Amino acid sequence: MRLYAFEKLRVWQHSRQLAVKIYKCTKGFPSEEKFGLTSQMRRCAVSISSNVAEGTGRHSSKDKARFTEIAYSSALELLNQSILANDLELLDASDYNEIRVSITDITAMLDGLYKSQRSGK
């Protein structure tokens, strides 16, 4: 089986793990949040790893960097939604802290990836 370039990236591996974590955490959200925070958080979490993957398929460094920017923005959007979910007591403190640490790590990796893409390396 072929292993694609994005699958080797730590940032993709971590963001994929975060998406799984978000799916598991939001599974317990109230049914009235199905089309609210549950859907939004899941879409953002999936968007991070998806944009990292899509960016690796682009030929120019500028295009690659643009998809990395989108992934970074999705991570920040997910952080905001996680804060709200915590405020609404939909996430327990342990899950919230774990998500927040993951997002901090992922955004740092995305920042490094972006800088290398912009420099053309």
Protein backbone atom coordinates (compact mmCIF):
# COMPACT_ATOMS: atom_id res chain seq x y z
CA MET A 1 0.00 0.00 0.00
CA ARG A 2 1.31 3.42 -0.94
CA LEU A 3 2.01 5.89 1.84
CA TYR A 4 1.28 9.49 0.77
CA ALA A 5 3.47 12.39 1.81
CA PHE A 6 0.87 13.90 4.15
CA GLU A 7 0.63 10.64 6.10
CA LYS A 8 4.26 11.08 7.14
CA LEU A 9 3.68 14.55 8.58
CA ARG A 10 3.46 14.69 12.38
CA VAL A 11 1.00 17.57 12.13
CA TRP A 12 -1.37 15.45 10.04
CA GLN A 13 -1.04 12.51 12.43
CA HIS A 14 -1.77 14.71 15.45
CA SER A 15 -4.66 16.52 13.80
CA ARG A 16 -6.18 13.18 12.80
CA GLN A 17 -5.96 12.02 16.42
CA LEU A 18 -7.58 15.27 17.51
CA ALA A 19 -10.46 14.71 15.08
CA VAL A 20 -11.07 11.28 16.60
CA LYS A 21 -11.00 12.84 20.09
CA ILE A 22 -13.53 15.49 19.03
CA TYR A 23 -15.86 12.87 17.57
CA LYS A 24 -15.73 10.88 20.80
CA CYS A 25 -16.27 13.94 23.01
CA THR A 26 -19.15 15.34 20.98
CA LYS A 27 -20.89 11.97 20.90
CA GLY A 28 -22.13 12.77 24.40
CA PHE A 29 -23.39 16.26 23.56
CA PRO A 30 -27.16 16.84 23.84
CA SER A 31 -29.21 16.02 20.74
CA GLU A 32 -30.22 19.68 20.37
CA GLU A 33 -26.55 20.42 19.60
CA LYS A 34 -26.49 17.96 16.68
CA PHE A 35 -26.63 20.80 14.15
CA GLY A 36 -24.86 23.28 16.43
CA LEU A 37 -21.62 22.72 18.30
CA THR A 38 -21.45 18.99 17.55
CA SER A 39 -21.49 19.54 13.80
CA GLN A 40 -19.28 22.63 13.90
CA MET A 41 -16.61 21.08 16.09
CA ARG A 42 -16.48 17.92 14.01
CA ARG A 43 -16.23 19.84 10.74
CA CYS A 44 -13.41 22.03 12.08
CA ALA A 45 -11.49 19.05 13.44
CA VAL A 46 -11.74 17.20 10.12
CA SER A 47 -10.83 20.38 8.24
CA ILE A 48 -7.43 20.63 9.93
CA SER A 49 -6.12 17.27 8.75
CA SER A 50 -7.95 17.52 5.41
CA ASN A 51 -6.33 20.83 4.53
CA VAL A 52 -2.90 19.56 5.51
CA ALA A 53 -3.46 16.57 3.22
CA GLU A 54 -4.84 18.66 0.36
CA GLY A 55 -1.98 21.13 0.60
CA THR A 56 0.59 18.40 0.02
CA GLY A 57 -1.02 17.75 -3.35
CA ARG A 58 -0.34 21.28 -4.55
CA HIS A 59 2.70 22.06 -6.65
CA SER A 60 3.62 25.59 -5.66
CA SER A 61 4.87 26.56 -2.22
CA LYS A 62 2.37 29.40 -2.20
CA ASP A 63 -0.55 27.00 -2.71
CA LYS A 64 0.79 24.61 -0.07
CA ALA A 65 1.09 27.52 2.39
CA ARG A 66 -2.47 28.65 1.70
CA PHE A 67 -3.88 25.27 2.72
CA THR A 68 -1.71 25.33 5.84
CA GLU A 69 -3.21 28.74 6.67
CA ILE A 70 -6.70 27.31 6.30
CA ALA A 71 -5.80 24.39 8.58
CA TYR A 72 -4.47 26.88 11.17
CA SER A 73 -7.67 28.90 10.99
CA SER A 74 -9.74 25.76 11.47
CA ALA A 75 -7.68 24.91 14.55
CA LEU A 76 -8.40 28.33 16.06
CA GLU A 77 -12.08 27.97 15.22
CA LEU A 78 -12.10 24.59 16.97
CA LEU A 79 -10.41 26.16 19.99
CA ASN A 80 -13.14 28.80 20.20
CA GLN A 81 -15.85 26.16 19.96
CA SER A 82 -14.11 24.04 22.61
CA ILE A 83 -14.02 27.05 24.94
CA LEU A 84 -17.75 27.54 24.39
CA ALA A 85 -18.46 23.85 24.93
CA ASN A 86 -16.48 24.03 28.16
CA ASP A 87 -18.36 27.17 29.24
CA LEU A 88 -21.63 25.33 28.59
CA GLU A 89 -20.33 22.35 30.59
CA LEU A 90 -20.61 20.05 27.57
CA LEU A 91 -16.94 19.09 27.91
CA ASP A 92 -15.43 17.93 31.14
CA ALA A 93 -12.27 19.69 32.34
CA SER A 94 -9.99 16.79 31.42
CA ASP A 95 -11.23 16.59 27.82
CA TYR A 96 -11.15 20.36 27.46
CA ASN A 97 -7.56 20.56 28.68
CA GLU A 98 -6.48 17.68 26.43
CA ILE A 99 -8.10 19.33 23.40
CA ARG A 100 -6.51 22.66 24.21
CA VAL A 101 -3.03 21.15 24.55
CA SER A 102 -3.51 19.29 21.24
CA ILE A 103 -4.55 22.48 19.46
CA THR A 104 -1.54 24.33 20.89
CA ASP A 105 0.80 21.61 19.63
CA ILE A 106 -0.89 21.44 16.22
CA THR A 107 -0.85 25.20 15.67
CA ALA A 108 2.86 25.29 16.53
CA MET A 109 3.53 22.55 13.97
CA LEU A 110 1.35 24.31 11.39
CA ASP A 111 3.26 27.53 11.98
CA GLY A 112 6.56 25.77 11.35
CA LEU A 113 5.18 24.08 8.24
CA TYR A 114 3.85 27.40 6.94
CA LYS A 115 7.19 29.12 7.43
CA SER A 116 9.04 26.38 5.56
CA GLN A 117 6.51 26.50 2.72
CA ARG A 118 6.70 30.26 2.41
CA SER A 119 10.49 30.13 2.26
CA GLY A 120 10.21 27.54 -0.52
CA LYS A 121 12.13 24.81 1.32
